[in-house]
Protein backbone atom coordinates (compact mmCIF):
# COMPACT_ATOMS: atom_id res chain seq x y z
CA MET A 1 36.24 -83.27 -5.04
CA VAL A 2 39.08 -79.77 -6.62
CA SER A 3 40.39 -78.23 -3.53
CA LYS A 4 40.02 -74.26 -3.14
CA PRO A 5 43.06 -71.94 -2.90
CA ARG A 6 44.34 -71.40 -0.19
CA VAL A 7 46.01 -68.13 1.27
CA TYR A 8 48.92 -69.12 3.09
CA GLU A 9 50.26 -65.85 5.16
CA PHE A 10 48.76 -62.28 5.40
CA LYS A 11 51.44 -59.51 5.79
CA PRO A 12 49.41 -56.37 7.31
CA HIS A 13 52.28 -54.01 6.39
CA GLU A 14 52.26 -54.98 2.73
CA LYS A 15 49.77 -53.19 0.11
CA ASP A 16 47.48 -54.82 -2.14
CA LEU A 17 48.11 -57.79 -3.26
CA SER A 18 51.78 -57.65 -1.81
CA LYS A 19 49.67 -58.62 1.67
CA VAL A 20 48.94 -62.13 0.89
CA LEU A 21 51.32 -62.78 -1.91
CA GLY A 22 55.21 -61.60 -3.23
CA ASP A 23 55.89 -58.36 -5.17
CA LEU A 24 56.19 -60.31 -8.20
CA GLU A 25 53.69 -62.68 -7.54
CA SER A 26 50.87 -59.86 -7.23
CA GLU A 27 52.73 -58.54 -10.83
CA VAL A 28 51.42 -61.74 -12.67
CA MET A 29 48.40 -61.99 -10.71
CA LYS A 30 47.03 -58.59 -11.95
CA THR A 31 48.45 -59.16 -15.07
CA VAL A 32 46.67 -62.43 -15.64
CA TRP A 33 43.14 -60.95 -14.56
CA LYS A 34 44.07 -58.29 -17.08
CA LEU A 35 44.62 -60.66 -20.19
CA LYS A 36 42.78 -63.45 -18.50
CA LYS A 37 44.08 -65.51 -20.83
CA ALA A 38 47.88 -65.70 -22.22
CA SER A 39 51.08 -66.97 -22.46
CA VAL A 40 53.52 -66.56 -20.40
CA ARG A 41 55.56 -64.66 -23.35
CA ASP A 42 52.50 -62.47 -22.76
CA ILE A 43 52.68 -62.37 -19.48
CA HIS A 44 56.28 -61.43 -19.65
CA GLU A 45 56.23 -58.80 -21.95
CA ASP A 46 53.26 -57.05 -20.60
CA ILE A 47 55.72 -56.96 -17.05
CA LYS A 48 58.44 -56.41 -19.03
CA LEU A 49 56.83 -52.62 -19.33
CA ARG A 50 56.86 -51.72 -15.77
CA ARG A 51 59.89 -53.57 -14.24
CA PRO A 52 62.60 -55.33 -15.49
CA VAL A 53 62.16 -59.38 -14.94
CA ALA A 54 63.92 -62.72 -17.18
CA PHE A 55 61.07 -64.72 -18.41
CA ASN A 56 62.32 -67.88 -16.56
CA THR A 57 61.10 -65.76 -14.07
CA VAL A 58 57.57 -65.08 -14.58
CA ALA A 59 57.21 -68.88 -16.09
CA THR A 60 58.70 -70.20 -12.17
CA ILE A 61 56.07 -67.51 -10.66
CA LEU A 62 53.18 -68.73 -12.84
CA ASN A 63 53.86 -72.33 -11.63
CA ARG A 64 53.47 -71.21 -8.42
CA LEU A 65 50.47 -69.34 -8.95
CA TYR A 66 49.25 -72.84 -10.52
CA LYS A 67 50.45 -75.01 -7.36
CA LYS A 68 48.70 -72.65 -5.20
CA LYS A 69 45.65 -72.97 -7.40
CA PHE A 70 45.40 -68.85 -8.15
CA VAL A 71 45.63 -69.51 -11.54
CA LYS A 72 45.09 -72.36 -14.90
CA ARG A 73 46.60 -73.87 -17.14
CA GLU A 74 46.40 -75.60 -20.56
CA LEU A 75 49.20 -76.94 -22.67
CA ILE A 76 48.61 -76.07 -26.28
CA ARG A 77 50.85 -77.94 -28.81
CA GLU A 78 50.24 -75.47 -31.82
CA LYS A 79 53.63 -73.65 -33.19
CA GLY A 80 55.20 -75.65 -30.51
CA ILE A 81 54.50 -76.83 -26.81
CA TYR A 82 53.59 -74.29 -24.49
CA TYR A 83 51.08 -73.11 -21.60
CA VAL A 84 48.42 -70.49 -21.50
CA TYR A 85 46.81 -70.17 -18.28
CA SER A 86 44.12 -67.71 -16.81
CA PRO A 87 42.97 -66.54 -13.71
CA ALA A 88 41.13 -69.91 -11.69
CA LEU A 89 39.39 -66.59 -9.84
CA THR A 90 38.32 -63.53 -10.43
CA ARG A 91 39.86 -60.46 -8.61
CA GLN A 92 36.88 -60.42 -6.30
CA GLU A 93 36.75 -63.93 -5.31
CA PHE A 94 40.23 -63.72 -4.88
CA GLU A 95 39.53 -60.23 -1.86
CA GLU A 96 36.63 -62.26 -0.31
CA LEU A 97 39.23 -65.36 0.01
CA VAL A 98 41.65 -63.60 1.62
CA ALA A 99 39.24 -61.64 4.34
CA ARG A 100 37.43 -64.90 4.59
CA HIS A 101 40.93 -66.02 6.01
CA VAL A 102 42.23 -63.27 7.68
CA LEU A 103 38.73 -62.64 9.11
CA SER A 104 39.13 -66.71 10.30
CA GLY A 105 42.07 -66.22 11.98
CA LEU A 106 41.22 -63.44 14.03
CA PHE A 107 38.11 -64.43 15.35
CA GLU A 108 40.10 -67.52 16.32
CA SER A 109 42.67 -66.00 18.28
CA PHE A 110 40.87 -63.06 18.98
CA GLU A 111 37.31 -63.55 19.16
CA ASP A 112 36.33 -60.62 21.25
CA SER A 113 38.41 -57.78 20.52
CA THR A 114 37.69 -58.81 16.92
CA ILE A 115 33.56 -58.45 16.93
CA MET A 116 34.00 -55.14 19.04
CA PHE A 117 36.65 -53.90 16.82
CA LEU A 118 34.22 -54.99 13.84
CA LEU A 119 31.46 -53.13 15.59
CA GLU A 120 33.28 -50.05 16.26
CA ASN A 121 33.90 -49.77 12.94
CA LEU A 122 30.46 -50.17 11.15
CA ASN A 123 28.94 -47.36 13.54
CA ILE A 124 26.71 -49.97 15.50
CA ASN A 125 25.67 -49.05 18.98
CA ASN A 126 22.78 -50.48 19.77
CA PRO A 127 23.15 -53.20 22.01
CA GLU A 128 20.01 -55.39 20.26
CA ILE A 129 21.75 -55.54 17.36
CA ILE A 130 24.91 -56.27 18.94
CA ASP A 131 23.72 -59.12 20.85
CA GLU A 132 22.39 -60.53 17.14
CA ILE A 133 25.33 -60.00 15.69
CA LYS A 134 27.08 -61.71 17.63
CA LYS A 135 24.61 -64.47 17.89
CA GLN A 136 24.81 -64.83 14.28
CA LEU A 137 28.95 -64.97 14.66
CA LYS A 138 28.52 -67.88 17.34
CA LYS A 139 26.29 -69.87 14.53
CA ILE A 140 28.56 -69.41 11.81
CA LYS A 141 31.30 -70.39 14.18
CA SER A 142 29.72 -73.11 15.06
CA LYS A 143 28.63 -74.25 11.63
CA GLY A 144 32.47 -74.21 10.98
CA GLU A 145 33.42 -76.20 13.75
CA SER A 146 30.79 -79.19 13.76
CA LYS A 147 32.13 -79.72 9.78
CA LYS A 148 36.04 -80.64 10.87
């Protein structure tokens, strides 16, 4: 069974992907999504246009992202030996993974406050709809607990 990527930490004060990845990890991940399939050299050349970074640093970041299961890699044995990296999930899948991770953590620790925040921000004022949403959330939560 292949394990899914995990989000390890959420930093709400950061921008964009840096909320869950390091600053350079974010840059590398965006580049991998943009290029779709690329060598360390290709990724380094692209990032280098925007910021100074060493080739070995990019290689280390890609290895880290590989271990986190955010990128895949393929060993190429022509004109030398090197890896070609590609995204393990789309940007949309990554964002959904982060949202699930963050909301699960919020529900686990602050269930009522999280539900109220979501309801208020969705502008739902109908008590019947609110009760139905709460029921559905509890069903989802109990399904998750039964899998543990």
